[in-house]
Amino acid sequence: MTPIHITLNGAPLQLEPDTTLAELIATTGHEPQGLSTAVNGDFVARESRSHHVLREADAVFTFQPITGG
């Protein structure tokens, strides 16, 4: 299969077709519960990551949520 090309936090990356956002996050070495995610500028909730299949040219951003008061 031909890989797809995305960006992760601005860096180019190749993935296998049909890779989910959850699968991608698992490869980053970060605790999935400690990250928030957005694809093409749209927030993707943790519980939706396993259903969100990445597509050619997607821009994925991960960030730590800000807490405090």
C-alpha atoms as a PDB file:
ATOM      1  CA  MET A   1       0.000   0.000   0.000  1.00  0.00           C
ATOM      2  CA  THR A   2       1.107   3.512  -0.717  1.00  0.00           C
ATOM      3  CA  PRO A   3       1.765   5.553   2.440  1.00  0.00           C
ATOM      4  CA  ILE A   4      -0.118   8.743   3.173  1.00  0.00           C
ATOM      5  CA  HIS A   5       1.626  12.000   4.037  1.00  0.00           C
ATOM      6  CA  ILE A   6       0.526  14.099   6.994  1.00  0.00           C
ATOM      7  CA  THR A   7       2.096  16.601   9.330  1.00  0.00           C
ATOM      8  CA  LEU A   8       2.386  16.077  13.072  1.00  0.00           C
ATOM      9  CA  ASN A   9       2.980  19.327  14.932  1.00  0.00           C
ATOM     10  CA  GLY A  10       4.300  20.814  11.702  1.00  0.00           C
ATOM     11  CA  ALA A  11       6.738  17.978  10.888  1.00  0.00           C
ATOM     12  CA  PRO A  12       6.128  15.807   7.812  1.00  0.00           C
ATOM     13  CA  LEU A  13       5.309  12.174   8.481  1.00  0.00           C
ATOM     14  CA  GLN A  14       4.398   9.103   6.414  1.00  0.00           C
ATOM     15  CA  LEU A  15       1.794   6.641   7.680  1.00  0.00           C
ATOM     16  CA  GLU A  16       0.148   3.496   6.472  1.00  0.00           C
ATOM     17  CA  PRO A  17      -3.314   4.065   4.981  1.00  0.00           C
ATOM     18  CA  ASP A  18      -6.190   3.695   7.450  1.00  0.00           C
ATOM     19  CA  THR A  19      -4.067   4.716  10.458  1.00  0.00           C
ATOM     20  CA  THR A  20      -6.254   6.119  13.200  1.00  0.00           C
ATOM     21  CA  LEU A  21      -5.450   9.129  15.310  1.00  0.00           C
ATOM     22  CA  ALA A  22      -5.259   6.835  18.368  1.00  0.00           C
ATOM     23  CA  GLU A  23      -2.660   4.669  16.627  1.00  0.00           C
ATOM     24  CA  LEU A  24      -0.606   7.724  15.726  1.00  0.00           C
ATOM     25  CA  ILE A  25      -0.740   9.106  19.274  1.00  0.00           C
ATOM     26  CA  ALA A  26       0.401   5.723  20.629  1.00  0.00           C
ATOM     27  CA  THR A  27       3.637   6.055  18.609  1.00  0.00           C
ATOM     28  CA  THR A  28       4.572   9.456  20.056  1.00  0.00           C
ATOM     29  CA  GLY A  29       5.703   8.204  23.451  1.00  0.00           C
ATOM     30  CA  HIS A  30       3.351  10.591  25.245  1.00  0.00           C
ATOM     31  CA  GLU A  31       0.602   9.507  27.605  1.00  0.00           C
ATOM     32  CA  PRO A  32      -2.583   9.666  25.476  1.00  0.00           C
ATOM     33  CA  GLN A  33      -4.636  10.907  28.443  1.00  0.00           C
ATOM     34  CA  GLY A  34      -2.250  13.834  28.849  1.00  0.00           C
ATOM     35  CA  LEU A  35      -2.671  15.160  25.316  1.00  0.00           C
ATOM     36  CA  SER A  36      -5.368  17.004  23.469  1.00  0.00           C
ATOM     37  CA  THR A  37      -5.540  16.604  19.705  1.00  0.00           C
ATOM     38  CA  ALA A  38      -6.721  18.521  16.678  1.00  0.00           C
ATOM     39  CA  VAL A  39      -6.861  17.488  13.030  1.00  0.00           C
ATOM     40  CA  ASN A  40      -6.990  20.238  10.429  1.00  0.00           C
ATOM     41  CA  GLY A  41      -7.834  22.715  13.175  1.00  0.00           C
ATOM     42  CA  ASP A  42     -10.762  20.720  14.578  1.00  0.00           C
ATOM     43  CA  PHE A  43     -10.567  19.343  18.129  1.00  0.00           C
ATOM     44  CA  VAL A  44     -10.790  15.529  18.328  1.00  0.00           C
ATOM     45  CA  ALA A  45     -11.903  14.189  21.704  1.00  0.00           C
ATOM     46  CA  ARG A  46      -9.960  11.305  23.265  1.00  0.00           C
ATOM     47  CA  GLU A  47     -12.903   8.928  22.908  1.00  0.00           C
ATOM     48  CA  SER A  48     -13.131   9.698  19.170  1.00  0.00           C
ATOM     49  CA  ARG A  49      -9.474   9.098  18.298  1.00  0.00           C
ATOM     50  CA  SER A  50      -9.855   5.373  17.620  1.00  0.00           C
ATOM     51  CA  HIS A  51     -12.574   6.141  15.046  1.00  0.00           C
ATOM     52  CA  HIS A  52     -10.790   9.070  13.380  1.00  0.00           C
ATOM     53  CA  VAL A  53      -8.947   7.684  10.330  1.00  0.00           C
ATOM     54  CA  LEU A  54      -6.204   9.977   9.075  1.00  0.00           C
ATOM     55  CA  ARG A  55      -6.183  11.017   5.427  1.00  0.00           C
ATOM     56  CA  GLU A  56      -3.642  12.380   2.969  1.00  0.00           C
ATOM     57  CA  ALA A  57      -2.446  15.902   3.853  1.00  0.00           C
ATOM     58  CA  ASP A  58      -4.074  15.977   7.314  1.00  0.00           C
ATOM     59  CA  ALA A  59      -2.434  18.367   9.763  1.00  0.00           C
ATOM     60  CA  VAL A  60      -2.376  16.850  13.259  1.00  0.00           C
ATOM     61  CA  PHE A  61      -1.523  18.903  16.321  1.00  0.00           C
ATOM     62  CA  THR A  62      -1.063  17.652  19.856  1.00  0.00           C
ATOM     63  CA  PHE A  63      -0.976  19.872  22.903  1.00  0.00           C
ATOM     64  CA  GLN A  64      -1.249  19.630  26.655  1.00  0.00           C
ATOM     65  CA  PRO A  65      -4.460  21.087  27.996  1.00  0.00           C
ATOM     66  CA  ILE A  66      -4.035  24.134  30.209  1.00  0.00           C
ATOM     67  CA  THR A  67      -5.484  23.783  33.670  1.00  0.00           C
ATOM     68  CA  GLY A  68      -5.670  26.076  36.593  1.00  0.00           C
ATOM     69  CA  GLY A  69      -7.902  28.669  37.951  1.00  0.00           C
END
